[in-house]
Amino acid sequence: MKLLLDTHVFLWSLFTPERLTEGVKAAISDESNEIWISPITVWECLILADKGRIDLQPDPHTWIRSQLRVVLPHEAPLNIEVALTSRTVDLDHDDPADRFLAATAIVYGLTLVTADDRLRKSQLIDVLPAA
């Protein structure tokens, strides 16, 4: 399975794995599954750190780079198809980060791991509920 981690799932898996369901923990640790990260997740982590909502030491850029070397995810690049799809995904809100993550899952054929009920309602996204 190819798992695209929503930003909160990425952070929970590193800081508070007890927040994840046993099934999600097992899926993330299963070496036969691929872990994917969107640049949107990195962007959201930087925003959360800038707002003081998370503490990434020694600094956010260094922390993110070091975690990505540990996790070794596949990168799901933003491209024109993702941008186009972000405007057609069946979400009832316009949060750009959610739209880009949903579109990324669709374009790359990934299962989005999320606890976000708004994303879980989409009929276009394959979702693995994280909580």
C-alpha atoms as a PDB file:
ATOM      1  CA  MET A   1       0.000   0.000   0.000  1.00  0.00           C
ATOM      2  CA  LYS A   2       1.175   3.544  -0.777  1.00  0.00           C
ATOM      3  CA  LEU A   3       0.403   5.784   2.201  1.00  0.00           C
ATOM      4  CA  LEU A   4       0.329   9.575   1.961  1.00  0.00           C
ATOM      5  CA  LEU A   5       0.600  10.927   5.496  1.00  0.00           C
ATOM      6  CA  ASP A   6      -1.532  13.945   6.328  1.00  0.00           C
ATOM      7  CA  THR A   7       0.469  16.542   8.244  1.00  0.00           C
ATOM      8  CA  HIS A   8      -1.000  15.679  11.639  1.00  0.00           C
ATOM      9  CA  VAL A   9      -0.384  11.960  11.039  1.00  0.00           C
ATOM     10  CA  PHE A  10       3.246  12.663  10.146  1.00  0.00           C
ATOM     11  CA  LEU A  11       3.650  14.675  13.364  1.00  0.00           C
ATOM     12  CA  TRP A  12       1.687  12.234  15.531  1.00  0.00           C
ATOM     13  CA  SER A  13       3.771   9.318  14.242  1.00  0.00           C
ATOM     14  CA  LEU A  14       6.882  11.117  15.487  1.00  0.00           C
ATOM     15  CA  PHE A  15       5.678  12.883  18.645  1.00  0.00           C
ATOM     16  CA  THR A  16       2.565  11.095  19.912  1.00  0.00           C
ATOM     17  CA  PRO A  17       2.123   7.733  18.164  1.00  0.00           C
ATOM     18  CA  GLU A  18      -0.427   6.731  20.810  1.00  0.00           C
ATOM     19  CA  ARG A  19      -2.893   9.051  19.027  1.00  0.00           C
ATOM     20  CA  LEU A  20      -2.854   6.764  15.981  1.00  0.00           C
ATOM     21  CA  THR A  21      -5.004   3.670  15.663  1.00  0.00           C
ATOM     22  CA  GLU A  22      -3.244   0.328  15.976  1.00  0.00           C
ATOM     23  CA  GLY A  23      -4.045  -0.321  12.325  1.00  0.00           C
ATOM     24  CA  VAL A  24      -2.364   2.892  11.218  1.00  0.00           C
ATOM     25  CA  LYS A  25       0.688   2.255  13.396  1.00  0.00           C
ATOM     26  CA  ALA A  26       0.951  -1.216  11.876  1.00  0.00           C
ATOM     27  CA  ALA A  27       0.512   0.135   8.333  1.00  0.00           C
ATOM     28  CA  ILE A  28       3.183   2.800   8.817  1.00  0.00           C
ATOM     29  CA  SER A  29       5.665   0.326  10.296  1.00  0.00           C
ATOM     30  CA  ASP A  30       4.935  -2.378   7.671  1.00  0.00           C
ATOM     31  CA  GLU A  31       8.000  -2.354   5.417  1.00  0.00           C
ATOM     32  CA  SER A  32       5.933  -3.618   2.483  1.00  0.00           C
ATOM     33  CA  ASN A  33       4.032  -0.296   2.504  1.00  0.00           C
ATOM     34  CA  GLU A  34       5.454   2.872   0.991  1.00  0.00           C
ATOM     35  CA  ILE A  35       5.345   6.094   3.011  1.00  0.00           C
ATOM     36  CA  TRP A  36       4.751   9.239   0.974  1.00  0.00           C
ATOM     37  CA  ILE A  37       5.024  12.877   2.035  1.00  0.00           C
ATOM     38  CA  SER A  38       3.816  15.943   0.171  1.00  0.00           C
ATOM     39  CA  PRO A  39       5.746  19.211   0.180  1.00  0.00           C
ATOM     40  CA  ILE A  40       2.502  20.615   1.612  1.00  0.00           C
ATOM     41  CA  THR A  41       3.193  18.643   4.805  1.00  0.00           C
ATOM     42  CA  VAL A  42       6.629  20.233   5.097  1.00  0.00           C
ATOM     43  CA  TRP A  43       5.079  23.655   4.465  1.00  0.00           C
ATOM     44  CA  GLU A  44       2.392  23.074   7.124  1.00  0.00           C
ATOM     45  CA  CYS A  45       5.022  21.928   9.652  1.00  0.00           C
ATOM     46  CA  LEU A  46       6.977  25.128   9.054  1.00  0.00           C
ATOM     47  CA  ILE A  47       3.830  27.229   9.517  1.00  0.00           C
ATOM     48  CA  LEU A  48       2.949  25.407  12.751  1.00  0.00           C
ATOM     49  CA  ALA A  49       6.490  25.991  14.036  1.00  0.00           C
ATOM     50  CA  ASP A  50       6.361  29.689  13.046  1.00  0.00           C
ATOM     51  CA  LYS A  51       3.093  30.068  14.971  1.00  0.00           C
ATOM     52  CA  GLY A  52       4.587  28.346  18.024  1.00  0.00           C
ATOM     53  CA  ARG A  53       2.125  25.442  17.866  1.00  0.00           C
ATOM     54  CA  ILE A  54       4.942  22.889  17.604  1.00  0.00           C
ATOM     55  CA  ASP A  55       8.551  23.056  18.750  1.00  0.00           C
ATOM     56  CA  LEU A  56      10.997  21.650  16.216  1.00  0.00           C
ATOM     57  CA  GLN A  57      14.549  21.631  17.547  1.00  0.00           C
ATOM     58  CA  PRO A  58      17.213  22.719  16.930  1.00  0.00           C
ATOM     59  CA  ASP A  59      15.276  24.671  14.274  1.00  0.00           C
ATOM     60  CA  PRO A  60      12.377  23.715  11.984  1.00  0.00           C
ATOM     61  CA  HIS A  61      14.418  23.278   8.780  1.00  0.00           C
ATOM     62  CA  THR A  62      17.042  21.088  10.429  1.00  0.00           C
ATOM     63  CA  TRP A  63      14.392  19.061  12.260  1.00  0.00           C
ATOM     64  CA  ILE A  64      12.379  18.398   9.111  1.00  0.00           C
ATOM     65  CA  ARG A  65      15.436  17.387   7.102  1.00  0.00           C
ATOM     66  CA  SER A  66      16.618  15.035   9.847  1.00  0.00           C
ATOM     67  CA  GLN A  67      13.179  13.415  10.238  1.00  0.00           C
ATOM     68  CA  LEU A  68      12.858  12.890   6.501  1.00  0.00           C
ATOM     69  CA  ARG A  69      16.246  11.122   6.519  1.00  0.00           C
ATOM     70  CA  VAL A  70      14.919   8.797   9.253  1.00  0.00           C
ATOM     71  CA  VAL A  71      11.485   8.184   7.734  1.00  0.00           C
ATOM     72  CA  LEU A  72      12.833   8.020   4.145  1.00  0.00           C
ATOM     73  CA  PRO A  73       9.492   8.804   2.526  1.00  0.00           C
ATOM     74  CA  HIS A  74       8.763   9.018  -1.152  1.00  0.00           C
ATOM     75  CA  GLU A  75       8.147  12.606  -2.177  1.00  0.00           C
ATOM     76  CA  ALA A  76       4.845  13.333  -3.915  1.00  0.00           C
ATOM     77  CA  PRO A  77       5.773  16.417  -5.936  1.00  0.00           C
ATOM     78  CA  LEU A  78       3.356  19.219  -6.607  1.00  0.00           C
ATOM     79  CA  ASN A  79       2.780  19.477 -10.320  1.00  0.00           C
ATOM     80  CA  ILE A  80       0.276  20.884 -12.786  1.00  0.00           C
ATOM     81  CA  GLU A  81      -2.009  17.843 -12.550  1.00  0.00           C
ATOM     82  CA  VAL A  82      -2.124  18.109  -8.750  1.00  0.00           C
ATOM     83  CA  ALA A  83      -2.947  21.820  -9.035  1.00  0.00           C
ATOM     84  CA  LEU A  84      -5.750  21.147 -11.534  1.00  0.00           C
ATOM     85  CA  THR A  85      -7.154  18.289  -9.470  1.00  0.00           C
ATOM     86  CA  SER A  86      -7.084  20.401  -6.302  1.00  0.00           C
ATOM     87  CA  ARG A  87      -9.932  22.470  -7.706  1.00  0.00           C
ATOM     88  CA  THR A  88     -12.111  19.499  -8.663  1.00  0.00           C
ATOM     89  CA  VAL A  89     -11.797  17.311  -5.570  1.00  0.00           C
ATOM     90  CA  ASP A  90     -15.104  16.837  -3.730  1.00  0.00           C
ATOM     91  CA  LEU A  91     -14.369  18.720  -0.510  1.00  0.00           C
ATOM     92  CA  ASP A  92     -16.906  20.987   1.137  1.00  0.00           C
ATOM     93  CA  HIS A  93     -14.265  23.563   2.079  1.00  0.00           C
ATOM     94  CA  ASP A  94     -11.479  25.492   0.399  1.00  0.00           C
ATOM     95  CA  ASP A  95      -8.541  24.839   2.737  1.00  0.00           C
ATOM     96  CA  PRO A  96      -5.677  24.876   0.224  1.00  0.00           C
ATOM     97  CA  ALA A  97      -3.525  22.405   2.153  1.00  0.00           C
ATOM     98  CA  ASP A  98      -6.351  19.856   2.343  1.00  0.00           C
ATOM     99  CA  ARG A  99      -7.158  20.360  -1.329  1.00  0.00           C
ATOM    100  CA  PHE A 100      -3.521  19.808  -2.344  1.00  0.00           C
ATOM    101  CA  LEU A 101      -3.178  16.714  -0.139  1.00  0.00           C
ATOM    102  CA  ALA A 102      -6.412  15.239  -1.500  1.00  0.00           C
ATOM    103  CA  ALA A 103      -5.384  16.006  -5.074  1.00  0.00           C
ATOM    104  CA  THR A 104      -1.955  14.485  -4.466  1.00  0.00           C
ATOM    105  CA  ALA A 105      -3.550  11.251  -3.241  1.00  0.00           C
ATOM    106  CA  ILE A 106      -5.779  11.126  -6.319  1.00  0.00           C
ATOM    107  CA  VAL A 107      -3.085  11.945  -8.889  1.00  0.00           C
ATOM    108  CA  TYR A 108      -0.489   9.542  -7.487  1.00  0.00           C
ATOM    109  CA  GLY A 109      -2.929   6.770  -6.523  1.00  0.00           C
ATOM    110  CA  LEU A 110      -2.095   7.000  -2.815  1.00  0.00           C
ATOM    111  CA  THR A 111      -4.088   6.175   0.296  1.00  0.00           C
ATOM    112  CA  LEU A 112      -4.395   9.304   2.428  1.00  0.00           C
ATOM    113  CA  VAL A 113      -3.830   8.560   6.112  1.00  0.00           C
ATOM    114  CA  THR A 114      -5.825  11.170   8.005  1.00  0.00           C
ATOM    115  CA  ALA A 115      -8.018  11.788  11.021  1.00  0.00           C
ATOM    116  CA  ASP A 116      -9.620  14.796   9.329  1.00  0.00           C
ATOM    117  CA  ASP A 117     -13.349  14.111   8.982  1.00  0.00           C
ATOM    118  CA  ARG A 118     -13.652  16.620   6.163  1.00  0.00           C
ATOM    119  CA  LEU A 119     -11.123  14.691   4.081  1.00  0.00           C
ATOM    120  CA  ARG A 120     -12.555  11.338   5.073  1.00  0.00           C
ATOM    121  CA  LYS A 121     -15.920  12.317   3.539  1.00  0.00           C
ATOM    122  CA  SER A 122     -14.500  12.542   0.027  1.00  0.00           C
ATOM    123  CA  GLN A 123     -15.689   9.875  -2.367  1.00  0.00           C
ATOM    124  CA  LEU A 124     -12.653  10.428  -4.616  1.00  0.00           C
ATOM    125  CA  ILE A 125      -9.905   9.705  -2.091  1.00  0.00           C
ATOM    126  CA  ASP A 126      -8.835   6.328  -0.763  1.00  0.00           C
ATOM    127  CA  VAL A 127      -8.543   7.019   2.982  1.00  0.00           C
ATOM    128  CA  LEU A 128      -7.081   5.105   5.910  1.00  0.00           C
ATOM    129  CA  PRO A 129      -8.650   6.630   9.068  1.00  0.00           C
ATOM    130  CA  ALA A 130      -5.924   7.594  11.536  1.00  0.00           C
ATOM    131  CA  ALA A 131      -8.055   8.022  14.632  1.00  0.00           C
END
